[in-house]
Amino acid sequence: MNIQRFWKNTKGSFTLEASIVFPIILFTTLLILFMCMYQYQNTMLKQAASKTSERAAYTWDNSHKDINTGAFPQGQDDGLYWRITDDSMISALFGWAGATNTANVAIPGGGSGSLPATKLSAAASWIPGKMTGNTTYNNHLMMRNVNTTLSEPISLGALERELGQPLRSEVSASSVVVEPVEFIRTIELMRYYGAKFTGKYGTAMNMGRAGTVLQWFSTAAGS
């Protein structure tokens, strides 16, 4: 009888329910806030990585172009044969062992020396110092792209102490270098050398010899 009376008694029910429900609501709210902060930071990183890759790809044909507008001084360009000498077109075409068809620049810090590294550094120069990562250019002859990877620490001290390691958010974005005229020239070049190497119109050409001749030409053009 006493047990039935106890269950029917509603005194203290609000306190009991609040002590159970409130921690759940608080934990859920904090979890949602954390997820929103993490998603916001990922979105900012994604926007920065995409912006860097797209700027580099858009201005890839001329290092004198303004990163924001694409404008460049009249008569300023990278030369007629820069794709042969600096863009590693010959090594991509003939597939030489040990040939470098990529360029990589650290963020922050940038790079210097090669023309591709200079272009990547210019595209990444606006990125805030708290973001770190790298931007890479890959030349596969038929497909050239710029890939940017960025990371940034997440400032949540309590969670870091619980996990025992710092939290970082990391994203990547890629953009394809689009040059319709250069693409057509590359197709014609591949058709020409494909016919030469297979001997379609006469004696087959030695690939190593053809590459040596083009390498000599690119050296002469660069000098």
Protein backbone atom coordinates (compact mmCIF):
# COMPACT_ATOMS: atom_id res chain seq x y z
CA MET A 1 0.00 0.00 0.00
CA ASN A 2 2.83 2.33 0.90
CA ILE A 3 4.53 1.55 -2.42
CA GLN A 4 1.43 2.47 -4.42
CA ARG A 5 1.08 5.68 -2.45
CA PHE A 6 4.75 6.48 -3.15
CA TRP A 7 4.37 6.11 -6.93
CA LYS A 8 1.21 8.24 -6.97
CA ASN A 9 2.88 11.04 -5.01
CA THR A 10 4.04 13.81 -7.43
CA LYS A 11 6.06 15.81 -4.93
CA GLY A 12 9.61 16.47 -6.21
CA SER A 13 8.85 15.18 -9.69
CA PHE A 14 9.93 18.45 -11.30
CA THR A 15 13.27 18.41 -9.47
CA LEU A 16 13.87 14.82 -10.44
CA GLU A 17 13.02 15.39 -14.08
CA ALA A 18 15.13 18.55 -14.23
CA SER A 19 18.15 16.80 -12.73
CA ILE A 20 17.94 14.17 -15.47
CA VAL A 21 16.90 16.24 -18.48
CA PHE A 22 19.01 19.37 -17.92
CA PRO A 23 22.44 17.64 -18.19
CA ILE A 24 21.27 15.96 -21.39
CA ILE A 25 20.16 19.30 -22.86
CA LEU A 26 23.41 20.97 -21.78
CA PHE A 27 25.57 18.20 -23.23
CA THR A 28 23.61 18.24 -26.50
CA THR A 29 23.92 22.03 -26.76
CA LEU A 30 27.68 21.92 -26.19
CA LEU A 31 28.02 19.14 -28.74
CA ILE A 32 26.08 21.14 -31.34
CA LEU A 33 28.23 24.21 -30.63
CA PHE A 34 31.39 22.18 -31.07
CA MET A 35 30.16 20.72 -34.34
CA CYS A 36 29.21 24.20 -35.60
CA MET A 37 32.66 25.56 -34.72
CA TYR A 38 34.37 22.62 -36.39
CA GLN A 39 32.22 22.94 -39.50
CA TYR A 40 32.80 26.70 -39.66
CA GLN A 41 36.56 26.24 -39.46
CA ASN A 42 36.47 23.53 -42.13
CA THR A 43 34.43 25.83 -44.37
CA MET A 44 36.93 28.67 -43.95
CA LEU A 45 39.84 26.33 -44.71
CA LYS A 46 38.04 24.91 -47.74
CA GLN A 47 37.35 28.39 -49.06
CA ALA A 48 41.00 29.40 -48.63
CA ALA A 49 42.31 26.22 -50.27
CA SER A 50 39.88 26.50 -53.20
CA LYS A 51 40.67 30.18 -53.68
CA THR A 52 44.42 29.51 -53.77
CA SER A 53 44.14 26.62 -56.23
CA GLU A 54 41.77 28.50 -58.53
CA ARG A 55 43.94 31.63 -58.55
CA ALA A 56 47.06 29.64 -59.38
CA ALA A 57 45.30 27.72 -62.16
CA TYR A 58 43.72 30.87 -63.63
CA THR A 59 47.01 32.80 -63.83
CA TRP A 60 49.23 29.82 -64.69
CA ASP A 61 49.93 30.90 -68.27
CA ASN A 62 51.60 34.15 -67.16
CA SER A 63 53.43 34.77 -63.89
CA HIS A 64 53.08 38.54 -64.39
CA LYS A 65 49.29 38.38 -63.99
CA ASP A 66 47.72 39.99 -60.97
CA ILE A 67 46.43 37.25 -58.68
CA ASN A 68 43.17 39.08 -57.96
CA THR A 69 42.26 40.49 -61.38
CA GLY A 70 44.31 38.52 -63.91
CA ALA A 71 45.59 41.77 -65.45
CA PHE A 72 49.24 42.10 -66.48
CA PRO A 73 51.44 44.86 -67.97
CA GLN A 74 51.49 45.00 -71.74
CA GLY A 75 54.31 42.96 -73.19
CA GLN A 76 55.06 41.11 -69.93
CA ASP A 77 54.98 37.31 -70.29
CA ASP A 78 57.02 34.20 -69.49
CA GLY A 79 58.51 33.75 -72.93
CA LEU A 80 57.52 31.67 -75.91
CA TYR A 81 59.03 28.35 -74.77
CA TRP A 82 58.43 28.47 -71.03
CA ARG A 83 56.28 25.33 -71.14
CA ILE A 84 59.20 23.36 -72.58
CA THR A 85 61.86 24.76 -70.27
CA ASP A 86 59.99 25.42 -66.99
CA ASP A 87 56.75 23.43 -67.19
CA SER A 88 58.51 20.05 -67.70
CA MET A 89 56.56 19.30 -70.86
CA ILE A 90 59.39 17.23 -72.37
CA SER A 91 59.80 14.98 -69.33
CA ALA A 92 56.02 14.53 -69.15
CA LEU A 93 55.89 13.63 -72.85
CA PHE A 94 58.77 11.15 -72.86
CA GLY A 95 58.38 9.89 -69.29
CA TRP A 96 62.04 10.15 -68.36
CA ALA A 97 63.06 8.36 -65.19
CA GLY A 98 63.70 10.77 -62.35
CA ALA A 99 62.12 13.67 -64.21
CA THR A 100 60.37 16.22 -62.03
CA ASN A 101 56.86 17.03 -63.20
CA THR A 102 55.74 18.61 -59.95
CA ALA A 103 56.38 21.74 -57.92
CA ASN A 104 55.63 22.10 -54.23
CA VAL A 105 55.52 25.20 -52.03
CA ALA A 106 55.12 25.26 -48.25
CA ILE A 107 52.54 27.52 -46.60
CA PRO A 108 53.59 29.81 -45.04
CA GLY A 109 57.07 30.42 -46.38
CA GLY A 110 56.60 30.06 -50.12
CA GLY A 111 59.28 28.99 -52.53
CA SER A 112 61.59 30.38 -55.11
CA GLY A 113 63.79 29.22 -57.92
CA SER A 114 61.64 27.55 -60.54
CA LEU A 115 58.89 29.38 -62.38
CA PRO A 116 56.12 26.99 -61.18
CA ALA A 117 57.21 27.54 -57.55
CA THR A 118 57.10 31.30 -58.07
CA LYS A 119 53.55 31.08 -59.43
CA LEU A 120 52.41 28.89 -56.54
CA SER A 121 53.97 31.29 -54.01
CA ALA A 122 52.17 34.24 -55.57
CA ALA A 123 48.81 32.45 -55.40
CA ALA A 124 49.35 31.48 -51.74
CA SER A 125 50.75 34.83 -50.58
CA TRP A 126 47.39 36.04 -49.19
CA ILE A 127 46.78 33.06 -46.85
CA PRO A 128 46.76 34.03 -43.11
CA GLY A 129 49.77 32.92 -41.10
CA LYS A 130 47.77 30.68 -38.75
CA MET A 131 46.95 28.37 -41.67
CA THR A 132 49.69 25.94 -42.65
CA GLY A 133 50.06 23.40 -45.41
CA ASN A 134 51.32 23.27 -48.97
CA THR A 135 50.27 23.83 -52.56
CA THR A 136 51.41 21.50 -55.32
CA TYR A 137 51.43 21.64 -59.10
CA ASN A 138 51.27 18.37 -61.06
CA ASN A 139 51.91 18.12 -64.79
CA HIS A 140 50.62 14.92 -66.38
CA LEU A 141 50.74 16.42 -69.87
CA MET A 142 47.05 15.90 -70.63
CA MET A 143 45.99 16.90 -67.13
CA ARG A 144 47.63 19.69 -65.16
CA ASN A 145 46.26 20.64 -61.78
CA VAL A 146 47.03 22.64 -58.66
CA ASN A 147 46.24 21.05 -55.30
CA THR A 148 46.25 22.97 -52.02
CA THR A 149 46.17 21.38 -48.56
CA LEU A 150 45.61 23.56 -45.50
CA SER A 151 45.33 22.82 -41.79
CA GLU A 152 44.62 24.90 -38.72
CA PRO A 153 44.57 24.09 -34.98
CA ILE A 154 41.23 23.93 -33.20
CA SER A 155 41.36 25.83 -29.88
CA LEU A 156 39.40 23.63 -27.47
CA GLY A 157 41.66 23.23 -24.44
CA ALA A 158 39.38 21.00 -22.36
CA LEU A 159 38.84 18.52 -25.19
CA GLU A 160 42.55 18.54 -26.07
CA ARG A 161 43.44 17.68 -22.47
CA GLU A 162 40.99 14.80 -22.49
CA LEU A 163 42.30 13.43 -25.79
CA GLY A 164 45.93 14.07 -24.93
CA GLN A 165 46.76 15.57 -28.30
CA PRO A 166 46.17 18.82 -30.20
CA LEU A 167 43.19 19.03 -32.54
CA ARG A 168 43.65 20.16 -36.13
CA SER A 169 41.31 20.62 -39.05
CA GLU A 170 42.67 19.75 -42.51
CA VAL A 171 41.13 20.11 -45.98
CA SER A 172 42.28 19.91 -49.60
CA ALA A 173 41.09 21.55 -52.81
CA SER A 174 42.18 21.06 -56.41
CA SER A 175 41.77 23.10 -59.58
CA VAL A 176 42.59 22.14 -63.16
CA VAL A 177 44.79 24.38 -65.31
CA VAL A 178 42.64 25.11 -68.36
CA GLU A 179 44.31 26.45 -71.52
CA PRO A 180 42.25 25.49 -74.60
CA VAL A 181 44.88 26.62 -77.12
CA GLU A 182 47.69 24.85 -75.30
CA PHE A 183 45.53 21.72 -74.98
CA ILE A 184 45.05 21.62 -78.76
CA ARG A 185 48.79 22.09 -79.29
CA THR A 186 49.51 19.24 -76.88
CA ILE A 187 47.09 16.93 -78.72
CA GLU A 188 48.73 17.77 -82.05
CA LEU A 189 52.19 17.19 -80.56
CA MET A 190 51.16 13.79 -79.19
CA ARG A 191 49.63 12.82 -82.54
CA TYR A 192 52.82 13.83 -84.34
CA TYR A 193 55.20 11.94 -82.05
CA GLY A 194 52.82 8.99 -81.78
CA ALA A 195 52.97 8.57 -85.56
CA LYS A 196 56.76 9.03 -85.54
CA PHE A 197 57.40 6.50 -82.78
CA THR A 198 55.17 3.84 -84.35
CA GLY A 199 56.59 4.38 -87.83
CA LYS A 200 53.19 5.10 -89.32
CA TYR A 201 54.62 7.30 -92.07
CA GLY A 202 58.03 5.72 -92.51
CA THR A 203 60.92 4.62 -90.31
CA ALA A 204 60.10 4.65 -86.61
CA MET A 205 61.84 7.38 -84.63
CA ASN A 206 63.90 6.53 -81.57
CA MET A 207 62.21 8.03 -78.51
CA GLY A 208 65.47 8.67 -76.67
CA ARG A 209 66.98 10.49 -79.63
CA ALA A 210 63.90 12.66 -80.09
CA GLY A 211 63.92 13.54 -76.41
CA THR A 212 67.61 14.45 -76.53
CA VAL A 213 67.02 16.80 -79.46
CA LEU A 214 64.12 18.51 -77.69
CA GLN A 215 66.13 18.75 -74.50
CA TRP A 216 68.93 20.49 -76.38
CA PHE A 217 66.37 22.83 -77.93
CA SER A 218 64.83 23.67 -74.57
CA THR A 219 68.28 24.38 -73.09
CA ALA A 220 69.08 26.69 -75.98
CA ALA A 221 65.72 28.43 -75.66
CA GLY A 222 66.17 28.89 -71.92
CA SER A 223 69.57 30.46 -72.38
